[in-house]
Amino acid sequence: MRKTTVLPMLAACLVFAIPADAHGPTPQKVDETVEIAAPPEKVWAVVKDFAGIAQWNPAVSRSTGEGGNSQGAHRTLVFANGEPLAEDLDFYDEAGHEYRYRLRAPNVKALPASSYSATLKLTPVDGKTSVSWKSRLYRGDTGNFPPDELNDEAAVNAMRHLVRTGLDRLKQLLETAGR
């Protein structure tokens, strides 16, 4: 074989040896909202304690925190399987009924995400309150070929479960409390 034909063949082999679907993680999102038949002040009274999420979200077995609701505060969530997850508070607006936080360090046994940030925001709507909980996240395994339990779908499903469970319980708590 001539030297001039070997190089193009070698280059073609290298190009085709790399799978077309090999790529790193892409950002995922979970955006959930619930409308609650209660004024924002009443809803805020329940959700405003950054460390108190376990009081209204049954997906969290217990929660503790340090720093109150000040920027830089942190909380630890413990899930039913006993696994903890640490989060840091980045922004807190008492008057605007909003806070933003992020994952401090991943624990894929607690939640199959390698990183995330989230925002909880209340908006008044015709005498009711719209509660929006938005999260941006990356899967638990950031390699090109994650196992099923750490892929994009697993991360989104776990985050959606955490958020949806909390919003549904919040609605139940506030709407049945007024009866």
C-alpha atoms as a PDB file:
ATOM      1  CA  MET A   1       0.000   0.000   0.000  1.00  0.00           C
ATOM      2  CA  ARG A   2       1.260   3.443  -0.821  1.00  0.00           C
ATOM      3  CA  LYS A   3       1.912   5.990   1.899  1.00  0.00           C
ATOM      4  CA  THR A   4      -0.412   8.553   0.302  1.00  0.00           C
ATOM      5  CA  THR A   5      -3.463   6.283   0.636  1.00  0.00           C
ATOM      6  CA  VAL A   6      -2.795   5.231   4.236  1.00  0.00           C
ATOM      7  CA  LEU A   7      -3.173   8.695   5.769  1.00  0.00           C
ATOM      8  CA  PRO A   8      -6.623   9.472   4.305  1.00  0.00           C
ATOM      9  CA  MET A   9      -7.846   5.993   5.294  1.00  0.00           C
ATOM     10  CA  LEU A  10      -6.514   6.451   8.834  1.00  0.00           C
ATOM     11  CA  ALA A  11      -8.211   9.843   9.105  1.00  0.00           C
ATOM     12  CA  ALA A  12     -11.512   8.373   7.878  1.00  0.00           C
ATOM     13  CA  CYS A  13     -11.279   5.569  10.451  1.00  0.00           C
ATOM     14  CA  LEU A  14     -10.761   8.059  13.267  1.00  0.00           C
ATOM     15  CA  VAL A  15     -13.709  10.198  12.196  1.00  0.00           C
ATOM     16  CA  PHE A  16     -16.081   7.259  11.984  1.00  0.00           C
ATOM     17  CA  ALA A  17     -14.808   5.705  15.230  1.00  0.00           C
ATOM     18  CA  ILE A  18     -16.265   8.585  17.268  1.00  0.00           C
ATOM     19  CA  PRO A  19     -19.985   7.997  17.921  1.00  0.00           C
ATOM     20  CA  ALA A  20     -22.187  10.742  16.538  1.00  0.00           C
ATOM     21  CA  ASP A  21     -24.223  10.982  19.746  1.00  0.00           C
ATOM     22  CA  ALA A  22     -21.255  11.416  22.092  1.00  0.00           C
ATOM     23  CA  HIS A  23     -21.577  14.729  23.879  1.00  0.00           C
ATOM     24  CA  GLY A  24     -21.421  16.100  27.347  1.00  0.00           C
ATOM     25  CA  PRO A  25     -24.446  17.074  29.382  1.00  0.00           C
ATOM     26  CA  THR A  26     -26.898  19.712  28.255  1.00  0.00           C
ATOM     27  CA  PRO A  27     -28.765  21.936  30.695  1.00  0.00           C
ATOM     28  CA  GLN A  28     -32.204  20.641  31.616  1.00  0.00           C
ATOM     29  CA  LYS A  29     -35.091  22.540  33.147  1.00  0.00           C
ATOM     30  CA  VAL A  30     -38.057  21.909  35.363  1.00  0.00           C
ATOM     31  CA  ASP A  31     -40.667  24.672  35.507  1.00  0.00           C
ATOM     32  CA  GLU A  32     -43.743  23.981  37.612  1.00  0.00           C
ATOM     33  CA  THR A  33     -46.500  26.299  38.808  1.00  0.00           C
ATOM     34  CA  VAL A  34     -49.530  26.006  41.029  1.00  0.00           C
ATOM     35  CA  GLU A  35     -52.316  28.473  41.716  1.00  0.00           C
ATOM     36  CA  ILE A  36     -53.410  28.649  45.333  1.00  0.00           C
ATOM     37  CA  ALA A  37     -56.660  30.197  46.550  1.00  0.00           C
ATOM     38  CA  ALA A  38     -54.910  32.315  49.198  1.00  0.00           C
ATOM     39  CA  PRO A  39     -53.229  35.728  49.215  1.00  0.00           C
ATOM     40  CA  PRO A  40     -49.450  35.858  48.633  1.00  0.00           C
ATOM     41  CA  GLU A  41     -48.771  36.925  52.243  1.00  0.00           C
ATOM     42  CA  LYS A  42     -50.415  33.757  53.561  1.00  0.00           C
ATOM     43  CA  VAL A  43     -48.509  31.519  51.109  1.00  0.00           C
ATOM     44  CA  TRP A  44     -45.246  33.360  51.815  1.00  0.00           C
ATOM     45  CA  ALA A  45     -45.692  32.800  55.537  1.00  0.00           C
ATOM     46  CA  VAL A  46     -45.424  29.062  54.853  1.00  0.00           C
ATOM     47  CA  VAL A  47     -42.565  28.996  52.301  1.00  0.00           C
ATOM     48  CA  LYS A  48     -40.377  31.930  53.334  1.00  0.00           C
ATOM     49  CA  ASP A  49     -38.194  30.022  55.814  1.00  0.00           C
ATOM     50  CA  PHE A  50     -35.432  28.724  53.533  1.00  0.00           C
ATOM     51  CA  ALA A  51     -34.494  25.970  55.984  1.00  0.00           C
ATOM     52  CA  GLY A  52     -38.120  25.022  56.695  1.00  0.00           C
ATOM     53  CA  ILE A  53     -38.927  23.222  53.452  1.00  0.00           C
ATOM     54  CA  ALA A  54     -39.586  19.910  55.242  1.00  0.00           C
ATOM     55  CA  GLN A  55     -42.551  21.536  56.991  1.00  0.00           C
ATOM     56  CA  TRP A  56     -44.468  21.784  53.715  1.00  0.00           C
ATOM     57  CA  ASN A  57     -42.768  19.448  51.214  1.00  0.00           C
ATOM     58  CA  PRO A  58     -43.308  15.741  51.961  1.00  0.00           C
ATOM     59  CA  ALA A  59     -40.527  14.784  49.521  1.00  0.00           C
ATOM     60  CA  VAL A  60     -38.128  16.064  52.198  1.00  0.00           C
ATOM     61  CA  SER A  61     -38.028  14.069  55.454  1.00  0.00           C
ATOM     62  CA  ARG A  62     -36.277  16.804  57.399  1.00  0.00           C
ATOM     63  CA  SER A  63     -34.362  20.009  56.798  1.00  0.00           C
ATOM     64  CA  THR A  64     -31.980  22.139  58.800  1.00  0.00           C
ATOM     65  CA  GLY A  65     -30.199  25.369  58.051  1.00  0.00           C
ATOM     66  CA  GLU A  66     -27.725  28.020  59.083  1.00  0.00           C
ATOM     67  CA  GLY A  67     -27.820  31.711  58.309  1.00  0.00           C
ATOM     68  CA  GLY A  68     -31.579  32.195  58.236  1.00  0.00           C
ATOM     69  CA  ASN A  69     -32.773  33.836  55.044  1.00  0.00           C
ATOM     70  CA  SER A  70     -29.632  35.859  54.400  1.00  0.00           C
ATOM     71  CA  GLN A  71     -27.694  35.567  51.198  1.00  0.00           C
ATOM     72  CA  GLY A  72     -25.109  32.830  51.735  1.00  0.00           C
ATOM     73  CA  ALA A  73     -27.308  30.864  54.145  1.00  0.00           C
ATOM     74  CA  HIS A  74     -27.398  27.160  53.583  1.00  0.00           C
ATOM     75  CA  ARG A  75     -29.745  24.290  54.265  1.00  0.00           C
ATOM     76  CA  THR A  76     -29.506  20.544  54.298  1.00  0.00           C
ATOM     77  CA  LEU A  77     -32.384  18.453  53.033  1.00  0.00           C
ATOM     78  CA  VAL A  78     -32.685  14.817  54.041  1.00  0.00           C
ATOM     79  CA  PHE A  79     -34.774  12.541  51.852  1.00  0.00           C
ATOM     80  CA  ALA A  80     -36.737   9.401  52.727  1.00  0.00           C
ATOM     81  CA  ASN A  81     -33.743   7.204  51.834  1.00  0.00           C
ATOM     82  CA  GLY A  82     -31.698   9.060  54.499  1.00  0.00           C
ATOM     83  CA  GLU A  83     -29.478  10.820  51.966  1.00  0.00           C
ATOM     84  CA  PRO A  84     -28.653  14.517  52.576  1.00  0.00           C
ATOM     85  CA  LEU A  85     -28.361  17.297  50.044  1.00  0.00           C
ATOM     86  CA  ALA A  86     -26.820  20.718  50.783  1.00  0.00           C
ATOM     87  CA  GLU A  87     -28.049  23.931  49.161  1.00  0.00           C
ATOM     88  CA  ASP A  88     -26.959  27.595  49.368  1.00  0.00           C
ATOM     89  CA  LEU A  89     -29.226  30.644  49.287  1.00  0.00           C
ATOM     90  CA  ASP A  90     -28.133  33.128  46.610  1.00  0.00           C
ATOM     91  CA  PHE A  91     -30.940  35.709  46.690  1.00  0.00           C
ATOM     92  CA  TYR A  92     -33.809  36.475  49.037  1.00  0.00           C
ATOM     93  CA  ASP A  93     -36.475  39.151  48.506  1.00  0.00           C
ATOM     94  CA  GLU A  94     -38.993  39.324  51.356  1.00  0.00           C
ATOM     95  CA  ALA A  95     -41.092  42.075  49.743  1.00  0.00           C
ATOM     96  CA  GLY A  96     -41.021  40.416  46.312  1.00  0.00           C
ATOM     97  CA  HIS A  97     -41.797  36.946  47.727  1.00  0.00           C
ATOM     98  CA  GLU A  98     -38.918  35.251  45.951  1.00  0.00           C
ATOM     99  CA  TYR A  99     -35.722  33.352  46.658  1.00  0.00           C
ATOM    100  CA  ARG A 100     -33.056  31.645  44.572  1.00  0.00           C
ATOM    101  CA  TYR A 101     -30.725  28.901  45.640  1.00  0.00           C
ATOM    102  CA  ARG A 102     -28.308  26.322  44.246  1.00  0.00           C
ATOM    103  CA  LEU A 103     -26.851  22.930  44.975  1.00  0.00           C
ATOM    104  CA  ARG A 104     -23.766  23.189  47.158  1.00  0.00           C
ATOM    105  CA  ALA A 105     -22.377  19.705  46.512  1.00  0.00           C
ATOM    106  CA  PRO A 106     -23.944  16.837  44.576  1.00  0.00           C
ATOM    107  CA  ASN A 107     -25.170  13.644  46.199  1.00  0.00           C
ATOM    108  CA  VAL A 108     -26.620  11.537  43.403  1.00  0.00           C
ATOM    109  CA  LYS A 109     -28.093   9.115  45.946  1.00  0.00           C
ATOM    110  CA  ALA A 110     -30.311  11.956  47.170  1.00  0.00           C
ATOM    111  CA  LEU A 111     -31.014  13.552  43.777  1.00  0.00           C
ATOM    112  CA  PRO A 112     -29.401  12.384  40.495  1.00  0.00           C
ATOM    113  CA  ALA A 113     -28.119  15.830  39.487  1.00  0.00           C
ATOM    114  CA  SER A 114     -24.550  17.102  39.410  1.00  0.00           C
ATOM    115  CA  SER A 115     -25.579  20.745  39.767  1.00  0.00           C
ATOM    116  CA  TYR A 116     -28.687  22.886  39.782  1.00  0.00           C
ATOM    117  CA  SER A 117     -30.083  26.274  40.630  1.00  0.00           C
ATOM    118  CA  ALA A 118     -33.709  27.052  41.421  1.00  0.00           C
ATOM    119  CA  THR A 119     -36.096  29.935  42.009  1.00  0.00           C
ATOM    120  CA  LEU A 120     -39.269  29.956  44.097  1.00  0.00           C
ATOM    121  CA  LYS A 121     -41.469  32.982  43.346  1.00  0.00           C
ATOM    122  CA  LEU A 122     -44.984  34.039  44.356  1.00  0.00           C
ATOM    123  CA  THR A 123     -47.126  36.259  42.148  1.00  0.00           C
ATOM    124  CA  PRO A 124     -50.582  37.649  43.009  1.00  0.00           C
ATOM    125  CA  VAL A 125     -53.300  36.662  40.507  1.00  0.00           C
ATOM    126  CA  ASP A 126     -56.870  37.905  41.049  1.00  0.00           C
ATOM    127  CA  GLY A 127     -56.939  37.386  44.822  1.00  0.00           C
ATOM    128  CA  LYS A 128     -55.000  34.119  44.540  1.00  0.00           C
ATOM    129  CA  THR A 129     -51.318  33.291  44.403  1.00  0.00           C
ATOM    130  CA  SER A 130     -49.364  31.727  41.577  1.00  0.00           C
ATOM    131  CA  VAL A 131     -46.368  29.842  42.953  1.00  0.00           C
ATOM    132  CA  SER A 132     -43.648  29.243  40.398  1.00  0.00           C
ATOM    133  CA  TRP A 133     -40.728  26.915  41.083  1.00  0.00           C
ATOM    134  CA  LYS A 134     -38.132  26.793  38.333  1.00  0.00           C
ATOM    135  CA  SER A 135     -34.928  24.814  38.232  1.00  0.00           C
ATOM    136  CA  ARG A 136     -32.018  24.495  35.816  1.00  0.00           C
ATOM    137  CA  LEU A 137     -29.980  21.356  36.267  1.00  0.00           C
ATOM    138  CA  TYR A 138     -27.421  18.932  34.891  1.00  0.00           C
ATOM    139  CA  ARG A 139     -27.640  15.172  35.105  1.00  0.00           C
ATOM    140  CA  GLY A 140     -25.843  13.223  37.791  1.00  0.00           C
ATOM    141  CA  ASP A 141     -23.239  11.690  35.483  1.00  0.00           C
ATOM    142  CA  THR A 142     -21.750  14.344  33.223  1.00  0.00           C
ATOM    143  CA  GLY A 143     -19.906  11.846  31.052  1.00  0.00           C
ATOM    144  CA  ASN A 144     -20.910  11.045  27.484  1.00  0.00           C
ATOM    145  CA  PHE A 145     -22.698   7.791  28.307  1.00  0.00           C
ATOM    146  CA  PRO A 146     -24.358   8.070  31.740  1.00  0.00           C
ATOM    147  CA  PRO A 147     -26.108   5.094  33.292  1.00  0.00           C
ATOM    148  CA  ASP A 148     -29.916   5.266  33.233  1.00  0.00           C
ATOM    149  CA  GLU A 149     -30.154   6.249  36.899  1.00  0.00           C
ATOM    150  CA  LEU A 150     -27.910   9.311  36.325  1.00  0.00           C
ATOM    151  CA  ASN A 151     -29.006  10.491  32.876  1.00  0.00           C
ATOM    152  CA  ASP A 152     -30.989  13.593  31.866  1.00  0.00           C
ATOM    153  CA  GLU A 153     -34.346  11.869  32.240  1.00  0.00           C
ATOM    154  CA  ALA A 154     -33.550  10.631  35.750  1.00  0.00           C
ATOM    155  CA  ALA A 155     -32.400  14.104  36.850  1.00  0.00           C
ATOM    156  CA  VAL A 156     -35.469  15.842  35.418  1.00  0.00           C
ATOM    157  CA  ASN A 157     -37.870  13.250  36.861  1.00  0.00           C
ATOM    158  CA  ALA A 158     -36.317  13.485  40.333  1.00  0.00           C
ATOM    159  CA  MET A 159     -36.348  17.288  40.337  1.00  0.00           C
ATOM    160  CA  ARG A 160     -39.912  17.366  38.986  1.00  0.00           C
ATOM    161  CA  HIS A 161     -40.979  14.972  41.767  1.00  0.00           C
ATOM    162  CA  LEU A 162     -39.377  17.189  44.435  1.00  0.00           C
ATOM    163  CA  VAL A 163     -40.947  20.359  43.048  1.00  0.00           C
ATOM    164  CA  ARG A 164     -44.366  18.956  42.158  1.00  0.00           C
ATOM    165  CA  THR A 165     -44.723  17.166  45.507  1.00  0.00           C
ATOM    166  CA  GLY A 166     -43.967  20.418  47.317  1.00  0.00           C
ATOM    167  CA  LEU A 167     -46.314  22.556  45.229  1.00  0.00           C
ATOM    168  CA  ASP A 168     -49.186  20.082  45.475  1.00  0.00           C
ATOM    169  CA  ARG A 169     -48.801  19.819  49.256  1.00  0.00           C
ATOM    170  CA  LEU A 170     -48.542  23.586  49.611  1.00  0.00           C
ATOM    171  CA  LYS A 171     -51.835  23.991  47.745  1.00  0.00           C
ATOM    172  CA  GLN A 172     -53.468  21.331  49.901  1.00  0.00           C
ATOM    173  CA  LEU A 173     -52.216  22.871  53.151  1.00  0.00           C
ATOM    174  CA  LEU A 174     -53.319  26.399  52.347  1.00  0.00           C
ATOM    175  CA  GLU A 175     -56.635  25.659  50.699  1.00  0.00           C
ATOM    176  CA  THR A 176     -57.858  23.198  53.340  1.00  0.00           C
ATOM    177  CA  ALA A 177     -56.659  25.420  56.206  1.00  0.00           C
ATOM    178  CA  GLY A 178     -59.243  28.043  55.269  1.00  0.00           C
ATOM    179  CA  ARG A 179     -62.160  25.613  55.449  1.00  0.00           C
END
